[in-house]
Amino acid sequence: MRFTATTVRRAFLGLVPIIMVMLGYGEVFMSEAKAVAGVKNSLLIHGGFVDGSGWQAVYDLLKKDGYHVSIVQNPTTTLADDVAVTKRMLAAQDGPAILVGHSYGGVVITETGTDPRVAGLVYIAAFAPDKGESVSALIKNPPPGAPVPPILPPQDGFLFLDRAKFRASFAADVSPETAAFMADSQVPWGVAALDGAVTEPAWRSKPSWYLVSTDDKMIPPDAQRAMSKRAGSTVVEVKGSHSVFVSQPKAVAALIAKAANGVALTTK
């Protein structure tokens, strides 16, 4: 048999996957292939009182599996401002995207998600309002016995949580050191953002997934279940605080990946 440069090159290329497995790169190779099979873009939108840095562990897990992940640093000043920031990030994607919202971020993705570039929605212990609803409307009449978030009186039109009660209410399953940092680095949440009403809920026209955090002291788990049922979401329940995206990143990343692949299956 005569060996030419072309046949040698083809033989070498055929060995590349085997070499990658032997060198320990097989997992990365297969993970990236798995991600490419579905929607590869995900936008992670934080809620009130925190910023996008809390998504880091979820970001790392999704990146490892080959997804393109963007963290939206919405200012939480008004719903209109937060939607505008999210849409700018959405416009920078190279294809359809999954929107992921935590807490108030759920309102942002509900309003933004009607954009044709959005393939699906993932709610993480989040508000999922219907048309005309806002955070203010959803929390107006809490059920009897529901925990009351330690929100301080507004300061110049912005809200903060009581630092001394932050961990118990917002991050009970996060390390004391991390919870203390979150409490001391709170982002002011605009009262106007809480009053921002949804014009057309995206979950009425887009598939959605919802992670219920069963030990949540900010949004009662039963309220999460009711909103997810109304939205027709695919639901998973995870034992965790309101900061479940920080304390349970594997569960959160797994649901996002499931949504990305689920959308791909329904659109083929």
C-alpha atoms as a PDB file:
ATOM      1  CA  MET A   1       0.000   0.000   0.000  1.00  0.00           C
ATOM      2  CA  ARG A   2       1.366   3.379  -0.968  1.00  0.00           C
ATOM      3  CA  PHE A   3       1.203   6.027   1.750  1.00  0.00           C
ATOM      4  CA  THR A   4       0.742   9.586   0.544  1.00  0.00           C
ATOM      5  CA  ALA A   5       0.688  12.773   2.560  1.00  0.00           C
ATOM      6  CA  THR A   6      -3.115  12.812   2.271  1.00  0.00           C
ATOM      7  CA  THR A   7      -3.630   9.289   3.621  1.00  0.00           C
ATOM      8  CA  VAL A   8      -1.257   9.926   6.524  1.00  0.00           C
ATOM      9  CA  ARG A   9      -3.090  13.136   7.388  1.00  0.00           C
ATOM     10  CA  ARG A  10      -6.475  11.384   7.318  1.00  0.00           C
ATOM     11  CA  ALA A  11      -5.186   8.564   9.506  1.00  0.00           C
ATOM     12  CA  PHE A  12      -3.842  11.046  12.054  1.00  0.00           C
ATOM     13  CA  LEU A  13      -7.090  12.997  12.168  1.00  0.00           C
ATOM     14  CA  GLY A  14      -8.964   9.774  12.783  1.00  0.00           C
ATOM     15  CA  LEU A  15      -6.832   9.175  15.862  1.00  0.00           C
ATOM     16  CA  VAL A  16      -7.462  12.627  17.371  1.00  0.00           C
ATOM     17  CA  PRO A  17     -10.595  11.639  19.406  1.00  0.00           C
ATOM     18  CA  ILE A  18      -8.751   8.585  20.773  1.00  0.00           C
ATOM     19  CA  ILE A  19      -5.728  10.675  21.720  1.00  0.00           C
ATOM     20  CA  MET A  20      -8.018  13.222  23.416  1.00  0.00           C
ATOM     21  CA  VAL A  21      -9.591  10.503  25.551  1.00  0.00           C
ATOM     22  CA  MET A  22      -6.158   9.122  26.487  1.00  0.00           C
ATOM     23  CA  LEU A  23      -4.964  12.574  27.501  1.00  0.00           C
ATOM     24  CA  GLY A  24      -8.087  13.314  29.521  1.00  0.00           C
ATOM     25  CA  TYR A  25      -9.727  15.697  27.059  1.00  0.00           C
ATOM     26  CA  GLY A  26     -12.511  13.349  26.047  1.00  0.00           C
ATOM     27  CA  GLU A  27     -14.964  14.756  28.595  1.00  0.00           C
ATOM     28  CA  VAL A  28     -14.492  18.292  27.271  1.00  0.00           C
ATOM     29  CA  PHE A  29     -14.802  17.102  23.663  1.00  0.00           C
ATOM     30  CA  MET A  30     -18.045  15.224  24.352  1.00  0.00           C
ATOM     31  CA  SER A  31     -19.490  18.012  26.523  1.00  0.00           C
ATOM     32  CA  GLU A  32     -18.963  20.598  23.808  1.00  0.00           C
ATOM     33  CA  ALA A  33     -20.577  18.288  21.262  1.00  0.00           C
ATOM     34  CA  LYS A  34     -23.543  17.833  23.593  1.00  0.00           C
ATOM     35  CA  ALA A  35     -23.998  21.585  24.012  1.00  0.00           C
ATOM     36  CA  VAL A  36     -23.809  22.258  20.292  1.00  0.00           C
ATOM     37  CA  ALA A  37     -26.707  19.824  19.778  1.00  0.00           C
ATOM     38  CA  GLY A  38     -29.059  22.208  21.621  1.00  0.00           C
ATOM     39  CA  VAL A  39     -29.385  25.940  22.140  1.00  0.00           C
ATOM     40  CA  LYS A  40     -25.874  27.002  23.109  1.00  0.00           C
ATOM     41  CA  ASN A  41     -26.503  30.551  24.372  1.00  0.00           C
ATOM     42  CA  SER A  42     -27.721  31.303  27.895  1.00  0.00           C
ATOM     43  CA  LEU A  43     -28.246  34.694  29.525  1.00  0.00           C
ATOM     44  CA  LEU A  44     -28.288  34.722  33.338  1.00  0.00           C
ATOM     45  CA  ILE A  45     -30.240  37.598  34.927  1.00  0.00           C
ATOM     46  CA  HIS A  46     -29.919  38.332  38.638  1.00  0.00           C
ATOM     47  CA  GLY A  47     -32.629  39.626  40.940  1.00  0.00           C
ATOM     48  CA  GLY A  48     -32.877  42.389  43.509  1.00  0.00           C
ATOM     49  CA  PHE A  49     -30.256  43.174  46.166  1.00  0.00           C
ATOM     50  CA  VAL A  50     -27.484  41.228  44.376  1.00  0.00           C
ATOM     51  CA  ASP A  51     -25.454  41.437  41.176  1.00  0.00           C
ATOM     52  CA  GLY A  52     -24.381  38.957  38.533  1.00  0.00           C
ATOM     53  CA  SER A  53     -21.335  37.651  40.399  1.00  0.00           C
ATOM     54  CA  GLY A  54     -23.518  35.195  42.300  1.00  0.00           C
ATOM     55  CA  TRP A  55     -23.907  33.192  39.081  1.00  0.00           C
ATOM     56  CA  GLN A  56     -20.196  32.289  38.908  1.00  0.00           C
ATOM     57  CA  ALA A  57     -20.484  28.636  39.924  1.00  0.00           C
ATOM     58  CA  VAL A  58     -23.407  28.091  37.511  1.00  0.00           C
ATOM     59  CA  TYR A  59     -21.448  29.930  34.812  1.00  0.00           C
ATOM     60  CA  ASP A  60     -18.405  27.703  35.336  1.00  0.00           C
ATOM     61  CA  LEU A  61     -20.449  24.507  35.083  1.00  0.00           C
ATOM     62  CA  LEU A  62     -22.230  25.579  31.907  1.00  0.00           C
ATOM     63  CA  LYS A  63     -19.000  26.768  30.290  1.00  0.00           C
ATOM     64  CA  LYS A  64     -17.394  23.424  31.092  1.00  0.00           C
ATOM     65  CA  ASP A  65     -20.214  21.739  29.180  1.00  0.00           C
ATOM     66  CA  GLY A  66     -19.597  23.904  26.119  1.00  0.00           C
ATOM     67  CA  TYR A  67     -22.325  26.525  26.482  1.00  0.00           C
ATOM     68  CA  HIS A  68     -21.876  30.204  25.709  1.00  0.00           C
ATOM     69  CA  VAL A  69     -22.943  32.045  28.870  1.00  0.00           C
ATOM     70  CA  SER A  70     -23.515  35.769  29.380  1.00  0.00           C
ATOM     71  CA  ILE A  71     -24.160  37.448  32.721  1.00  0.00           C
ATOM     72  CA  VAL A  72     -26.579  40.362  32.461  1.00  0.00           C
ATOM     73  CA  GLN A  73     -25.713  43.108  34.942  1.00  0.00           C
ATOM     74  CA  ASN A  74     -29.140  44.696  35.042  1.00  0.00           C
ATOM     75  CA  PRO A  75     -29.243  47.846  37.205  1.00  0.00           C
ATOM     76  CA  THR A  76     -32.549  46.913  38.962  1.00  0.00           C
ATOM     77  CA  THR A  77     -33.674  50.520  38.712  1.00  0.00           C
ATOM     78  CA  THR A  78     -36.786  50.110  36.572  1.00  0.00           C
ATOM     79  CA  LEU A  79     -38.210  47.184  34.637  1.00  0.00           C
ATOM     80  CA  ALA A  80     -37.799  49.135  31.399  1.00  0.00           C
ATOM     81  CA  ASP A  81     -34.107  49.749  32.112  1.00  0.00           C
ATOM     82  CA  ASP A  82     -33.505  46.109  33.013  1.00  0.00           C
ATOM     83  CA  VAL A  83     -35.262  44.856  29.887  1.00  0.00           C
ATOM     84  CA  ALA A  84     -33.226  47.263  27.747  1.00  0.00           C
ATOM     85  CA  VAL A  85     -29.937  45.974  29.206  1.00  0.00           C
ATOM     86  CA  THR A  86     -31.035  42.377  28.673  1.00  0.00           C
ATOM     87  CA  LYS A  87     -32.052  43.041  25.073  1.00  0.00           C
ATOM     88  CA  ARG A  88     -28.667  44.607  24.328  1.00  0.00           C
ATOM     89  CA  MET A  89     -26.972  41.448  25.583  1.00  0.00           C
ATOM     90  CA  LEU A  90     -29.450  39.317  23.649  1.00  0.00           C
ATOM     91  CA  ALA A  91     -28.667  41.186  20.431  1.00  0.00           C
ATOM     92  CA  ALA A  92     -24.996  40.301  20.840  1.00  0.00           C
ATOM     93  CA  GLN A  93     -25.667  36.529  20.710  1.00  0.00           C
ATOM     94  CA  ASP A  94     -24.897  34.531  17.567  1.00  0.00           C
ATOM     95  CA  GLY A  95     -28.124  32.535  17.701  1.00  0.00           C
ATOM     96  CA  PRO A  96     -31.196  31.751  19.834  1.00  0.00           C
ATOM     97  CA  ALA A  97     -30.798  31.966  23.594  1.00  0.00           C
ATOM     98  CA  ILE A  98     -32.252  30.689  26.846  1.00  0.00           C
ATOM     99  CA  LEU A  99     -33.114  33.420  29.367  1.00  0.00           C
ATOM    100  CA  VAL A 100     -32.559  32.497  33.018  1.00  0.00           C
ATOM    101  CA  GLY A 101     -33.930  34.700  35.783  1.00  0.00           C
ATOM    102  CA  HIS A 102     -33.566  34.531  39.547  1.00  0.00           C
ATOM    103  CA  SER A 103     -36.106  36.245  41.808  1.00  0.00           C
ATOM    104  CA  TYR A 104     -36.948  39.650  40.237  1.00  0.00           C
ATOM    105  CA  GLY A 105     -34.944  38.470  37.229  1.00  0.00           C
ATOM    106  CA  GLY A 106     -38.006  36.334  36.482  1.00  0.00           C
ATOM    107  CA  VAL A 107     -39.973  39.502  35.791  1.00  0.00           C
ATOM    108  CA  VAL A 108     -37.224  40.686  33.447  1.00  0.00           C
ATOM    109  CA  ILE A 109     -37.201  37.467  31.412  1.00  0.00           C
ATOM    110  CA  THR A 110     -41.019  37.363  31.344  1.00  0.00           C
ATOM    111  CA  GLU A 111     -41.068  40.809  29.720  1.00  0.00           C
ATOM    112  CA  THR A 112     -37.994  40.311  27.514  1.00  0.00           C
ATOM    113  CA  GLY A 113     -38.770  36.749  26.448  1.00  0.00           C
ATOM    114  CA  THR A 114     -41.234  37.634  23.692  1.00  0.00           C
ATOM    115  CA  ASP A 115     -38.218  38.643  21.614  1.00  0.00           C
ATOM    116  CA  PRO A 116     -37.933  36.209  18.667  1.00  0.00           C
ATOM    117  CA  ARG A 117     -34.318  35.462  19.606  1.00  0.00           C
ATOM    118  CA  VAL A 118     -35.459  33.859  22.876  1.00  0.00           C
ATOM    119  CA  ALA A 119     -35.955  30.097  22.649  1.00  0.00           C
ATOM    120  CA  GLY A 120     -37.039  29.392  26.222  1.00  0.00           C
ATOM    121  CA  LEU A 121     -37.236  30.635  29.798  1.00  0.00           C
ATOM    122  CA  VAL A 122     -35.818  29.255  33.046  1.00  0.00           C
ATOM    123  CA  TYR A 123     -37.099  30.582  36.367  1.00  0.00           C
ATOM    124  CA  ILE A 124     -34.913  30.043  39.450  1.00  0.00           C
ATOM    125  CA  ALA A 125     -36.966  30.733  42.606  1.00  0.00           C
ATOM    126  CA  ALA A 126     -38.354  33.617  40.591  1.00  0.00           C
ATOM    127  CA  PHE A 127     -41.402  35.748  39.998  1.00  0.00           C
ATOM    128  CA  ALA A 128     -43.345  34.745  36.883  1.00  0.00           C
ATOM    129  CA  PRO A 129     -45.950  37.483  36.472  1.00  0.00           C
ATOM    130  CA  ASP A 130     -48.953  37.467  34.181  1.00  0.00           C
ATOM    131  CA  LYS A 131     -50.052  40.426  32.067  1.00  0.00           C
ATOM    132  CA  GLY A 132     -50.378  43.570  34.164  1.00  0.00           C
ATOM    133  CA  GLU A 133     -48.690  42.044  37.214  1.00  0.00           C
ATOM    134  CA  SER A 134     -45.600  43.361  38.986  1.00  0.00           C
ATOM    135  CA  VAL A 135     -43.554  42.274  41.988  1.00  0.00           C
ATOM    136  CA  SER A 136     -45.514  44.757  44.097  1.00  0.00           C
ATOM    137  CA  ALA A 137     -48.786  43.166  43.022  1.00  0.00           C
ATOM    138  CA  LEU A 138     -47.549  39.610  43.596  1.00  0.00           C
ATOM    139  CA  ILE A 139     -46.339  40.273  47.145  1.00  0.00           C
ATOM    140  CA  LYS A 140     -49.214  42.534  48.168  1.00  0.00           C
ATOM    141  CA  ASN A 141     -51.250  39.871  49.984  1.00  0.00           C
ATOM    142  CA  PRO A 142     -48.943  37.171  51.374  1.00  0.00           C
ATOM    143  CA  PRO A 143     -50.593  33.985  52.644  1.00  0.00           C
ATOM    144  CA  PRO A 144     -51.047  33.646  56.418  1.00  0.00           C
ATOM    145  CA  GLY A 145     -47.877  32.507  58.141  1.00  0.00           C
ATOM    146  CA  ALA A 146     -45.603  33.361  55.198  1.00  0.00           C
ATOM    147  CA  PRO A 147     -42.209  34.758  56.231  1.00  0.00           C
ATOM    148  CA  VAL A 148     -41.870  38.510  55.851  1.00  0.00           C
ATOM    149  CA  PRO A 149     -38.663  39.571  54.061  1.00  0.00           C
ATOM    150  CA  PRO A 150     -36.672  42.056  56.191  1.00  0.00           C
ATOM    151  CA  ILE A 151     -36.894  44.902  53.671  1.00  0.00           C
ATOM    152  CA  LEU A 152     -35.971  48.275  55.165  1.00  0.00           C
ATOM    153  CA  PRO A 153     -37.940  51.458  54.444  1.00  0.00           C
ATOM    154  CA  PRO A 154     -37.024  53.020  51.073  1.00  0.00           C
ATOM    155  CA  GLN A 155     -34.000  55.306  50.897  1.00  0.00           C
ATOM    156  CA  ASP A 156     -34.226  57.808  48.049  1.00  0.00           C
ATOM    157  CA  GLY A 157     -36.445  55.418  46.116  1.00  0.00           C
ATOM    158  CA  PHE A 158     -34.319  52.301  46.684  1.00  0.00           C
ATOM    159  CA  LEU A 159     -34.642  49.263  48.921  1.00  0.00           C
ATOM    160  CA  PHE A 160     -32.177  47.239  50.987  1.00  0.00           C
ATOM    161  CA  LEU A 161     -32.462  44.192  53.225  1.00  0.00           C
ATOM    162  CA  ASP A 162     -31.601  44.404  56.908  1.00  0.00           C
ATOM    163  CA  ARG A 163     -27.981  43.197  56.992  1.00  0.00           C
ATOM    164  CA  ALA A 164     -28.420  41.493  60.345  1.00  0.00           C
ATOM    165  CA  LYS A 165     -31.271  39.371  58.943  1.00  0.00           C
ATOM    166  CA  PHE A 166     -29.901  38.917  55.422  1.00  0.00           C
ATOM    167  CA  ARG A 167     -28.527  35.388  55.814  1.00  0.00           C
ATOM    168  CA  ALA A 168     -31.594  33.975  57.557  1.00  0.00           C
ATOM    169  CA  SER A 169     -33.975  35.325  54.942  1.00  0.00           C
ATOM    170  CA  PHE A 170     -31.954  35.323  51.715  1.00  0.00           C
ATOM    171  CA  ALA A 171     -29.020  32.924  52.021  1.00  0.00           C
ATOM    172  CA  ALA A 172     -29.501  30.484  54.902  1.00  0.00           C
ATOM    173  CA  ASP A 173     -27.676  27.631  53.138  1.00  0.00           C
ATOM    174  CA  VAL A 174     -24.733  29.747  52.001  1.00  0.00           C
ATOM    175  CA  SER A 175     -21.567  29.919  54.100  1.00  0.00           C
ATOM    176  CA  PRO A 176     -21.607  32.651  56.767  1.00  0.00           C
ATOM    177  CA  GLU A 177     -18.674  34.374  55.070  1.00  0.00           C
ATOM    178  CA  THR A 178     -20.342  34.428  51.658  1.00  0.00           C
ATOM    179  CA  ALA A 179     -23.673  35.532  53.112  1.00  0.00           C
ATOM    180  CA  ALA A 180     -21.956  38.350  55.022  1.00  0.00           C
ATOM    181  CA  PHE A 181     -20.298  39.540  51.814  1.00  0.00           C
ATOM    182  CA  MET A 182     -23.627  39.427  49.967  1.00  0.00           C
ATOM    183  CA  ALA A 183     -25.262  41.434  52.752  1.00  0.00           C
ATOM    184  CA  ASP A 184     -22.505  44.045  52.767  1.00  0.00           C
ATOM    185  CA  SER A 185     -22.406  44.363  48.955  1.00  0.00           C
ATOM    186  CA  GLN A 186     -26.140  44.736  48.371  1.00  0.00           C
ATOM    187  CA  VAL A 187     -27.230  46.443  45.175  1.00  0.00           C
ATOM    188  CA  PRO A 188     -29.984  49.030  45.733  1.00  0.00           C
ATOM    189  CA  TRP A 189     -33.285  47.761  44.318  1.00  0.00           C
ATOM    190  CA  GLY A 190     -35.396  50.517  42.836  1.00  0.00           C
ATOM    191  CA  VAL A 191     -38.960  50.804  44.095  1.00  0.00           C
ATOM    192  CA  ALA A 192     -39.907  51.638  40.500  1.00  0.00           C
ATOM    193  CA  ALA A 193     -38.596  48.221  39.416  1.00  0.00           C
ATOM    194  CA  LEU A 194     -40.956  46.490  41.844  1.00  0.00           C
ATOM    195  CA  ASP A 195     -43.840  48.445  40.326  1.00  0.00           C
ATOM    196  CA  GLY A 196     -42.907  47.549  36.733  1.00  0.00           C
ATOM    197  CA  ALA A 197     -45.831  45.618  35.213  1.00  0.00           C
ATOM    198  CA  VAL A 198     -45.474  42.973  32.520  1.00  0.00           C
ATOM    199  CA  THR A 199     -47.119  43.865  29.213  1.00  0.00           C
ATOM    200  CA  GLU A 200     -47.116  40.441  27.539  1.00  0.00           C
ATOM    201  CA  PRO A 201     -45.844  37.411  29.485  1.00  0.00           C
ATOM    202  CA  ALA A 202     -43.399  35.397  27.412  1.00  0.00           C
ATOM    203  CA  TRP A 203     -44.327  32.141  29.138  1.00  0.00           C
ATOM    204  CA  ARG A 204     -47.626  32.216  27.247  1.00  0.00           C
ATOM    205  CA  SER A 205     -45.779  31.698  23.962  1.00  0.00           C
ATOM    206  CA  LYS A 206     -42.395  30.219  24.952  1.00  0.00           C
ATOM    207  CA  PRO A 207     -41.550  26.956  26.760  1.00  0.00           C
ATOM    208  CA  SER A 208     -40.455  27.421  30.356  1.00  0.00           C
ATOM    209  CA  TRP A 209     -38.761  25.555  33.191  1.00  0.00           C
ATOM    210  CA  TYR A 210     -38.970  26.401  36.883  1.00  0.00           C
ATOM    211  CA  LEU A 211     -36.812  25.510  39.889  1.00  0.00           C
ATOM    212  CA  VAL A 212     -38.729  25.745  43.160  1.00  0.00           C
ATOM    213  CA  SER A 213     -36.506  26.395  46.172  1.00  0.00           C
ATOM    214  CA  THR A 214     -38.257  24.564  48.995  1.00  0.00           C
ATOM    215  CA  ASP A 215     -36.680  26.481  51.916  1.00  0.00           C
ATOM    216  CA  ASP A 216     -37.120  29.933  50.395  1.00  0.00           C
ATOM    217  CA  LYS A 217     -37.889  32.697  52.922  1.00  0.00           C
ATOM    218  CA  MET A 218     -38.213  35.480  50.323  1.00  0.00           C
ATOM    219  CA  ILE A 219     -40.710  34.002  47.834  1.00  0.00           C
ATOM    220  CA  PRO A 220     -42.820  31.310  49.552  1.00  0.00           C
ATOM    221  CA  PRO A 221     -42.408  27.894  47.886  1.00  0.00           C
ATOM    222  CA  ASP A 222     -46.187  27.595  47.470  1.00  0.00           C
ATOM    223  CA  ALA A 223     -46.211  30.896  45.581  1.00  0.00           C
ATOM    224  CA  GLN A 224     -43.443  29.541  43.346  1.00  0.00           C
ATOM    225  CA  ARG A 225     -45.467  26.401  42.709  1.00  0.00           C
ATOM    226  CA  ALA A 226     -48.564  28.425  41.859  1.00  0.00           C
ATOM    227  CA  MET A 227     -46.710  30.670  39.404  1.00  0.00           C
ATOM    228  CA  SER A 228     -44.944  27.752  37.733  1.00  0.00           C
ATOM    229  CA  LYS A 229     -48.213  25.840  37.375  1.00  0.00           C
ATOM    230  CA  ARG A 230     -49.918  28.865  35.833  1.00  0.00           C
ATOM    231  CA  ALA A 231     -47.039  29.256  33.384  1.00  0.00           C
ATOM    232  CA  GLY A 232     -47.181  25.579  32.421  1.00  0.00           C
ATOM    233  CA  SER A 233     -43.511  25.197  33.306  1.00  0.00           C
ATOM    234  CA  THR A 234     -41.536  21.992  33.627  1.00  0.00           C
ATOM    235  CA  VAL A 235     -40.832  22.007  37.368  1.00  0.00           C
ATOM    236  CA  VAL A 236     -38.093  20.640  39.596  1.00  0.00           C
ATOM    237  CA  GLU A 237     -37.879  21.158  43.345  1.00  0.00           C
ATOM    238  CA  VAL A 238     -34.588  21.607  45.171  1.00  0.00           C
ATOM    239  CA  LYS A 239     -33.950  21.978  48.876  1.00  0.00           C
ATOM    240  CA  GLY A 240     -32.389  25.404  49.152  1.00  0.00           C
ATOM    241  CA  SER A 241     -32.739  29.008  50.241  1.00  0.00           C
ATOM    242  CA  HIS A 242     -33.580  31.967  48.021  1.00  0.00           C
ATOM    243  CA  SER A 243     -29.890  31.925  47.082  1.00  0.00           C
ATOM    244  CA  VAL A 244     -30.231  28.428  45.597  1.00  0.00           C
ATOM    245  CA  PHE A 245     -28.315  29.591  42.524  1.00  0.00           C
ATOM    246  CA  VAL A 246     -25.315  30.095  44.822  1.00  0.00           C
ATOM    247  CA  SER A 247     -25.759  27.089  47.135  1.00  0.00           C
ATOM    248  CA  GLN A 248     -26.950  24.519  44.563  1.00  0.00           C
ATOM    249  CA  PRO A 249     -25.216  25.466  41.299  1.00  0.00           C
ATOM    250  CA  LYS A 250     -25.202  21.897  39.925  1.00  0.00           C
ATOM    251  CA  ALA A 251     -28.990  21.610  40.164  1.00  0.00           C
ATOM    252  CA  VAL A 252     -29.441  25.036  38.602  1.00  0.00           C
ATOM    253  CA  ALA A 253     -26.989  24.365  35.754  1.00  0.00           C
ATOM    254  CA  ALA A 254     -28.607  20.982  35.112  1.00  0.00           C
ATOM    255  CA  LEU A 255     -32.038  22.587  34.665  1.00  0.00           C
ATOM    256  CA  ILE A 256     -30.620  25.215  32.296  1.00  0.00           C
ATOM    257  CA  ALA A 257     -28.960  22.474  30.233  1.00  0.00           C
ATOM    258  CA  LYS A 258     -32.212  20.515  30.217  1.00  0.00           C
ATOM    259  CA  ALA A 259     -34.032  23.587  28.916  1.00  0.00           C
ATOM    260  CA  ALA A 260     -31.416  24.200  26.217  1.00  0.00           C
ATOM    261  CA  ASN A 261     -31.686  20.619  25.005  1.00  0.00           C
ATOM    262  CA  GLY A 262     -35.453  20.496  25.470  1.00  0.00           C
ATOM    263  CA  VAL A 263     -35.975  23.511  23.246  1.00  0.00           C
ATOM    264  CA  ALA A 264     -33.774  21.930  20.604  1.00  0.00           C
ATOM    265  CA  LEU A 265     -35.893  18.761  20.671  1.00  0.00           C
ATOM    266  CA  THR A 266     -39.161  20.672  20.306  1.00  0.00           C
ATOM    267  CA  THR A 267     -37.894  22.809  17.447  1.00  0.00           C
ATOM    268  CA  LYS A 268     -36.389  20.068  15.264  1.00  0.00           C
END
